Amino acid sequence: MQREIALEPRSRGFHLVGRELEEALPELAGCRAGLLHLHILHTSASLALNENASADVRRDLETWFTDVVPEGGGHWLHSDEGPDDMPAHVKAVLIGPSLLLPVRDGRPALGTWQGVYLCEHRDHASGRRVIATLNGE
C-alpha cells in the first residue's frame, strides 16, 4: 500500500514523528514482516533515524547543523525565500529525503533508542508531506 501523510507544521529543529506516521498507517498492524519506505516531498526538510530518548540530542543536532551550514555571510546565491532557504537545501542534501525501515509484527523494527525524525530546516515551514510505501505480508 502507499499513502501520502500530511505532518503538522513544526519549528526549525529535529522532531520525533514516528508515532504520528504510525497512526496514519493503520495497515502496519496487519504486517507481519516487510519494509516501510518513507520519502519526504520537500527540498528544505529531511528524514532521519536517531536517538529517541534525549531531547538534548535533537537540540545538539540543530546546533551542529546551524554552525556547519550558517545563514547569511553573503556566500549563498540562492535566497528566493529568505536567508534560511539555501542553508535548508544544503542540510536536506546532507541528511537525505528517505528512510527504509524493516517492519516486524505490525511495527517498524527499530532499536531501543531509535526514532524517526522530521528534520525541519526552515524557520517558518508549512506542514510537510511524506509518501509512505508499505510492502510485506
Protein backbone atom coordinates (compact mmCIF):
# COMPACT_ATOMS: atom_id res chain seq x y z
CA MET A 1 0.00 0.00 0.00
CA GLN A 2 1.01 3.60 -0.46
CA ARG A 3 -0.26 6.74 1.23
CA GLU A 4 0.60 10.42 1.41
CA ILE A 5 0.77 11.63 5.02
CA ALA A 6 0.48 15.29 5.99
CA LEU A 7 2.61 16.23 9.01
CA GLU A 8 1.75 19.18 11.20
CA PRO A 9 3.86 22.34 10.75
CA ARG A 10 6.82 22.47 13.11
CA SER A 11 9.50 24.97 14.00
CA ARG A 12 13.07 24.59 12.85
CA GLY A 13 14.70 21.60 14.51
CA PHE A 14 14.68 17.83 14.79
CA HIS A 15 11.28 16.38 15.73
CA LEU A 16 10.23 12.83 16.57
CA VAL A 17 7.39 11.89 14.21
CA GLY A 18 7.33 8.09 14.38
CA ARG A 19 4.11 7.89 16.37
CA GLU A 20 2.39 10.37 14.03
CA LEU A 21 3.45 8.33 11.00
CA GLU A 22 2.38 5.03 12.57
CA GLU A 23 -1.06 6.44 13.47
CA ALA A 24 -1.53 7.46 9.83
CA LEU A 25 -0.75 3.89 8.70
CA PRO A 26 -3.27 1.51 10.32
CA GLU A 27 -2.21 -1.13 7.74
CA LEU A 28 1.05 -1.54 9.65
CA ALA A 29 -0.81 -3.51 12.33
CA GLY A 30 -1.54 -6.28 9.82
CA CYS A 31 2.01 -6.57 8.50
CA ARG A 32 3.94 -9.47 9.99
CA ALA A 33 7.16 -8.83 8.07
CA GLY A 34 8.00 -6.22 5.47
CA LEU A 35 9.55 -2.89 4.58
CA LEU A 36 8.29 0.64 5.10
CA HIS A 37 9.75 3.28 2.80
CA LEU A 38 9.28 6.92 3.86
CA HIS A 39 10.04 9.77 1.46
CA ILE A 40 9.58 13.47 2.23
CA LEU A 41 8.23 15.57 -0.66
CA HIS A 42 10.28 18.68 0.10
CA THR A 43 13.76 20.05 -0.57
CA SER A 44 14.19 22.01 2.66
CA ALA A 45 13.38 19.27 5.17
CA SER A 46 14.61 15.71 5.60
CA LEU A 47 14.03 12.43 7.42
CA ALA A 48 16.48 10.72 9.75
CA LEU A 49 16.70 7.88 12.25
CA ASN A 50 18.41 8.64 15.55
CA GLU A 51 18.16 8.89 19.36
CA ASN A 52 14.57 8.90 20.65
CA ALA A 53 15.08 9.38 24.40
CA SER A 54 17.01 12.60 24.99
CA ALA A 55 15.78 15.91 23.62
CA ASP A 56 19.37 17.13 24.09
CA VAL A 57 20.42 15.03 21.09
CA ARG A 58 17.88 16.80 18.89
CA ARG A 59 18.98 20.23 20.18
CA ASP A 60 22.65 19.34 19.67
CA LEU A 61 21.99 18.20 16.11
CA GLU A 62 20.25 21.50 15.35
CA THR A 63 23.16 23.43 16.91
CA TRP A 64 25.73 21.48 14.87
CA PHE A 65 23.88 21.93 11.58
CA THR A 66 23.38 25.65 12.25
CA ASP A 67 27.13 26.03 12.91
CA VAL A 68 28.23 23.99 9.88
CA VAL A 69 25.69 25.44 7.41
CA PRO A 70 25.18 29.05 8.54
CA GLU A 71 22.76 31.58 7.15
CA GLY A 72 23.95 34.83 5.64
CA GLY A 73 27.57 35.67 5.16
CA GLY A 74 26.99 36.65 1.55
CA HIS A 75 28.14 33.33 0.09
CA TRP A 76 24.72 31.92 -0.88
CA LEU A 77 23.46 32.90 -4.34
CA HIS A 78 20.00 31.33 -3.94
CA SER A 79 17.88 33.23 -1.42
CA ASP A 80 14.48 33.40 -3.14
CA GLU A 81 12.58 32.55 0.03
CA GLY A 82 14.78 34.25 2.62
CA PRO A 83 18.11 33.75 4.36
CA ASP A 84 17.23 30.26 5.64
CA ASP A 85 16.33 28.99 2.14
CA MET A 86 19.68 27.82 0.72
CA PRO A 87 21.05 26.58 4.06
CA ALA A 88 17.87 24.47 4.36
CA HIS A 89 18.55 22.90 0.95
CA VAL A 90 22.15 22.07 1.91
CA LYS A 91 21.05 20.47 5.20
CA ALA A 92 18.41 18.43 3.36
CA VAL A 93 21.06 17.14 0.93
CA LEU A 94 23.36 16.17 3.82
CA ILE A 95 20.67 14.20 5.67
CA GLY A 96 18.54 12.93 2.79
CA PRO A 97 14.86 12.62 1.91
CA SER A 98 14.15 8.93 2.58
CA LEU A 99 14.24 6.12 5.11
CA LEU A 100 13.78 2.39 4.55
CA LEU A 101 12.64 0.64 7.75
CA PRO A 102 12.05 -3.04 8.44
CA VAL A 103 8.60 -3.94 9.76
CA ARG A 104 8.07 -6.78 12.22
CA ASP A 105 4.85 -7.80 13.94
CA GLY A 106 2.92 -4.67 12.98
CA ARG A 107 5.53 -2.03 13.86
CA PRO A 108 8.75 -0.59 12.47
CA ALA A 109 11.53 -2.81 13.84
CA LEU A 110 13.69 -0.10 15.38
CA GLY A 111 16.40 -0.30 18.00
CA THR A 112 15.58 0.52 21.61
CA TRP A 113 16.81 4.11 21.30
CA GLN A 114 15.89 4.81 17.68
CA GLY A 115 13.19 7.20 16.49
CA VAL A 116 12.14 8.72 13.17
CA TYR A 117 12.90 12.44 12.89
CA LEU A 118 11.41 15.13 10.74
CA CYS A 119 14.40 17.44 10.29
CA GLU A 120 12.85 20.84 9.70
CA HIS A 121 15.43 23.23 8.24
CA ARG A 122 13.22 26.30 7.72
CA ASP A 123 12.19 28.90 10.28
CA HIS A 124 8.55 29.11 9.16
CA ALA A 125 7.72 26.00 7.17
CA SER A 126 4.22 24.92 6.35
CA GLY A 127 3.21 21.33 7.02
CA ARG A 128 5.28 18.65 5.36
CA ARG A 129 4.13 15.69 3.29
CA VAL A 130 5.58 12.18 3.35
CA ILE A 131 4.88 9.33 0.96
CA ALA A 132 4.78 6.02 2.88
CA THR A 133 5.02 2.76 0.93
CA LEU A 134 4.46 -0.49 2.83
CA ASN A 135 5.40 -3.84 1.33
CA GLY A 136 5.09 -7.07 3.24
CA GLU A 137 2.96 -9.91 4.47
